[in-house]
Protein backbone atom coordinates (compact mmCIF):
# COMPACT_ATOMS: atom_id res chain seq x y z
CA UNK A 1 -42.02 3.08 -39.65
CA UNK A 2 -40.62 1.80 -36.36
CA UNK A 3 -37.54 0.45 -38.13
CA UNK A 4 -36.91 3.84 -39.73
CA UNK A 5 -37.07 5.60 -36.36
CA UNK A 6 -34.77 3.05 -34.77
CA UNK A 7 -32.37 3.29 -37.71
CA UNK A 8 -32.30 7.11 -37.54
CA UNK A 9 -31.76 6.97 -33.78
CA UNK A 10 -28.88 4.49 -34.07
CA UNK A 11 -27.22 6.46 -36.87
CA UNK A 12 -27.59 9.72 -34.95
CA UNK A 13 -26.14 8.12 -31.84
CA UNK A 14 -23.19 6.65 -33.73
CA UNK A 15 -22.44 9.89 -35.54
CA UNK A 16 -22.54 11.89 -32.32
CA UNK A 17 -20.42 9.31 -30.50
CA UNK A 18 -17.79 9.15 -33.22
CA UNK A 19 -17.62 12.91 -33.57
CA UNK A 20 -17.27 13.39 -29.82
CA UNK A 21 -14.72 10.59 -29.57
CA UNK A 22 -12.65 12.07 -32.38
CA UNK A 23 -12.67 15.51 -30.82
CA UNK A 24 -12.11 14.21 -27.31
CA UNK A 25 -8.96 12.49 -28.44
CA UNK A 26 -7.51 15.88 -29.43
CA UNK A 27 -6.72 16.61 -25.78
CA UNK A 28 -4.52 13.51 -25.56
CA UNK A 29 -2.19 14.22 -28.50
CA UNK A 30 -1.94 17.90 -27.61
CA UNK A 31 -1.04 17.11 -24.00
CA UNK A 32 1.44 14.54 -25.29
CA UNK A 33 3.06 17.15 -27.53
CA UNK A 34 3.13 19.89 -24.89
CA UNK A 35 4.44 17.62 -22.12
CA UNK A 36 7.18 16.20 -24.38
CA UNK A 37 8.15 19.69 -25.56
CA UNK A 38 8.47 20.94 -21.95
CA UNK A 39 8.76 17.90 -19.63
CA UNK A 40 10.32 20.00 -16.88
CA UNK A 41 7.20 22.15 -16.49
CA UNK A 42 4.27 20.17 -17.93
CA UNK A 43 3.08 16.87 -16.53
CA UNK A 44 1.08 14.84 -19.07
CA UNK A 45 -1.53 13.62 -16.58
CA UNK A 46 -1.97 17.11 -15.14
CA UNK A 47 -2.42 18.54 -18.63
CA UNK A 48 -5.21 16.07 -19.36
CA UNK A 49 -6.79 16.68 -15.96
CA UNK A 50 -6.62 20.47 -16.27
CA UNK A 51 -7.98 20.64 -19.81
CA UNK A 52 -10.52 17.91 -19.06
CA UNK A 53 -11.88 19.96 -16.16
CA UNK A 54 -13.61 22.19 -18.70
CA UNK A 55 -16.53 20.42 -20.40
CA UNK A 56 -15.91 22.36 -23.61
CA UNK A 57 -12.56 20.63 -24.09
CA UNK A 58 -14.18 17.44 -25.32
CA UNK A 59 -15.49 19.20 -28.43
CA UNK A 60 -12.74 21.75 -29.01
CA UNK A 61 -10.20 22.38 -31.73
CA UNK A 62 -6.59 23.25 -30.87
CA UNK A 63 -7.23 27.03 -30.96
CA UNK A 64 -10.31 26.57 -28.76
CA UNK A 65 -8.29 24.45 -26.31
CA UNK A 66 -5.69 27.23 -26.19
CA UNK A 67 -8.39 29.72 -25.27
CA UNK A 68 -9.72 27.35 -22.61
CA UNK A 69 -6.21 27.01 -21.20
CA UNK A 70 -5.81 30.79 -21.01
CA UNK A 71 -9.26 31.16 -19.42
CA UNK A 72 -8.40 28.54 -16.79
CA UNK A 73 -5.10 30.33 -16.17
CA UNK A 74 -6.92 33.65 -15.66
CA UNK A 75 -9.35 32.02 -13.23
CA UNK A 76 -6.48 30.41 -11.31
CA UNK A 77 -4.64 33.75 -11.07
CA UNK A 78 -7.76 35.41 -9.69
CA UNK A 79 -8.16 32.58 -7.17
CA UNK A 80 -4.57 33.01 -6.00
CA UNK A 81 -5.07 36.76 -5.72
CA UNK A 82 -8.17 36.13 -3.61
CA UNK A 83 -6.29 33.65 -1.41
CA UNK A 84 -3.53 36.21 -0.88
CA UNK A 85 -6.08 38.88 0.06
CA UNK A 86 -7.75 36.47 2.49
CA UNK A 87 -4.42 35.61 4.11
CA UNK A 88 -3.60 39.31 4.45
CA UNK A 89 -6.98 39.97 6.10
CA UNK A 90 -6.33 37.18 8.58
CA UNK A 91 -3.59 39.41 10.01
CA UNK A 92 -0.68 37.10 9.49
CA UNK A 93 1.40 37.53 12.64
CA UNK A 94 4.71 36.74 10.95
CA UNK A 95 5.97 40.06 9.52
CA UNK A 96 8.11 38.25 6.94
CA UNK A 97 5.09 36.30 5.72
CA UNK A 98 3.02 39.47 5.68
CA UNK A 99 5.62 41.28 3.55
CA UNK A 100 5.83 38.33 1.17
CA UNK A 101 2.04 38.32 0.85
CA UNK A 102 1.96 42.05 0.11
CA UNK A 103 4.58 41.58 -2.60
CA UNK A 104 2.62 38.66 -4.08
CA UNK A 105 -0.60 40.65 -3.92
CA UNK A 106 1.01 43.37 -6.02
CA UNK A 107 2.32 40.80 -8.50
CA UNK A 108 -0.92 38.82 -8.82
CA UNK A 109 -3.09 41.92 -9.20
CA UNK A 110 -1.47 42.41 -12.63
CA UNK A 111 -1.44 38.81 -13.85
CA UNK A 112 -5.11 38.47 -14.91
CA UNK A 113 -4.78 41.54 -17.14
CA UNK A 114 -1.63 40.15 -18.75
CA UNK A 115 -3.33 36.83 -19.39
CA UNK A 116 -6.46 38.50 -20.76
CA UNK A 117 -4.22 40.38 -23.21
CA UNK A 118 -2.65 37.04 -24.10
CA UNK A 119 -6.08 35.52 -24.64
CA UNK A 120 -7.04 38.35 -26.99
CA UNK A 121 -3.75 37.85 -28.83
CA UNK A 122 -4.53 34.13 -29.22
CA UNK A 123 -7.93 35.03 -30.68
CA UNK A 124 -6.22 37.45 -33.10
CA UNK A 125 -3.57 34.91 -34.11
CA UNK A 126 -0.77 36.99 -32.53
CA UNK A 127 1.07 34.10 -30.91
CA UNK A 128 4.21 36.11 -30.11
CA UNK A 129 2.23 38.52 -27.92
CA UNK A 130 0.29 35.65 -26.34
CA UNK A 131 3.57 33.90 -25.57
CA UNK A 132 5.06 37.06 -24.05
CA UNK A 133 1.99 37.62 -21.85
CA UNK A 134 1.85 34.09 -20.49
CA UNK A 135 5.64 34.10 -19.97
CA UNK A 136 5.31 37.32 -17.95
CA UNK A 137 2.62 35.69 -15.81
CA UNK A 138 4.80 32.63 -15.22
CA UNK A 139 7.77 34.84 -14.27
CA UNK A 140 5.55 36.73 -11.84
CA UNK A 141 4.55 33.45 -10.21
CA UNK A 142 8.22 32.53 -9.80
CA UNK A 143 8.95 35.98 -8.35
CA UNK A 144 6.20 35.51 -5.78
CA UNK A 145 7.34 32.00 -4.88
CA UNK A 146 10.97 33.12 -4.49
CA UNK A 147 9.87 36.04 -2.32
CA UNK A 148 7.98 33.69 -0.03
CA UNK A 149 10.97 31.36 0.26
CA UNK A 150 13.52 34.17 0.77
CA UNK A 151 11.48 35.76 3.51
CA UNK A 152 10.88 32.32 4.94
CA UNK A 153 7.21 33.06 5.08
CA UNK A 154 5.14 30.06 6.09
CA UNK A 155 2.29 30.49 3.67
CA UNK A 156 1.48 26.88 2.89
CA UNK A 157 -1.81 27.36 0.98
CA UNK A 158 -0.04 29.37 -1.70
CA UNK A 159 2.74 26.94 -2.57
CA UNK A 160 0.42 24.39 -4.18
CA UNK A 161 -1.71 27.03 -5.92
CA UNK A 162 1.34 28.81 -7.35
CA UNK A 163 2.83 25.52 -8.54
CA UNK A 164 -0.43 24.58 -10.29
CA UNK A 165 -0.71 28.07 -11.77
CA UNK A 166 2.83 27.82 -13.13
CA UNK A 167 2.10 24.45 -14.75
CA UNK A 168 -1.10 25.80 -16.29
CA UNK A 169 0.92 28.74 -17.61
CA UNK A 170 3.38 26.29 -19.15
CA UNK A 171 0.45 24.52 -20.84
CA UNK A 172 -0.82 27.84 -22.19
CA UNK A 173 2.69 28.66 -23.40
CA UNK A 174 2.84 25.26 -25.09
CA UNK A 175 -0.35 26.12 -26.95
CA UNK A 176 1.13 29.38 -28.23
CA UNK A 177 4.09 27.44 -29.60
CA UNK A 178 1.88 24.72 -31.09
CA UNK A 179 -0.48 27.22 -32.73
CA UNK A 180 2.47 29.15 -34.17
CA UNK A 181 3.63 25.91 -35.81
CA UNK A 182 0.27 24.82 -37.22
CA UNK A 183 -0.86 28.24 -38.45
């Protein structure tokens, strides 16, 4: 009886380990594909780190990873919007920086809705709409970043967040392209 229990335990452990290992490895080839397809905007290590930050990614299919990517992008956009609001409340003394922040606030208030529409499109298999929505979000991020630079606003906390958001958007865009190919 003891041998049977031990045997069942070992087999269960091996099956679970192999299944998890097989699914975990899906992040690596997908990040390889996306980073090679868009090396200018997607860093391989960042892709793995970003997707790996969500515990669901270790047991996800490609469509599920795409949804995770969009969800992370939405969260990041909301975080940036919150950071902008906080900076505005701190009464930025530089009027150029304040104007840049107001412009970015307007831009980022719309991004989560665009990305949520993109997420719904991914779920529905409408990869063209998903691609258009994430592209719009990425363009908005560039618009905000350019506005900050043009107005010479010294808003250091945003530069890193916007750069990370843009890269995450590029990963989400890569998923829309990949899913269009495999579906």
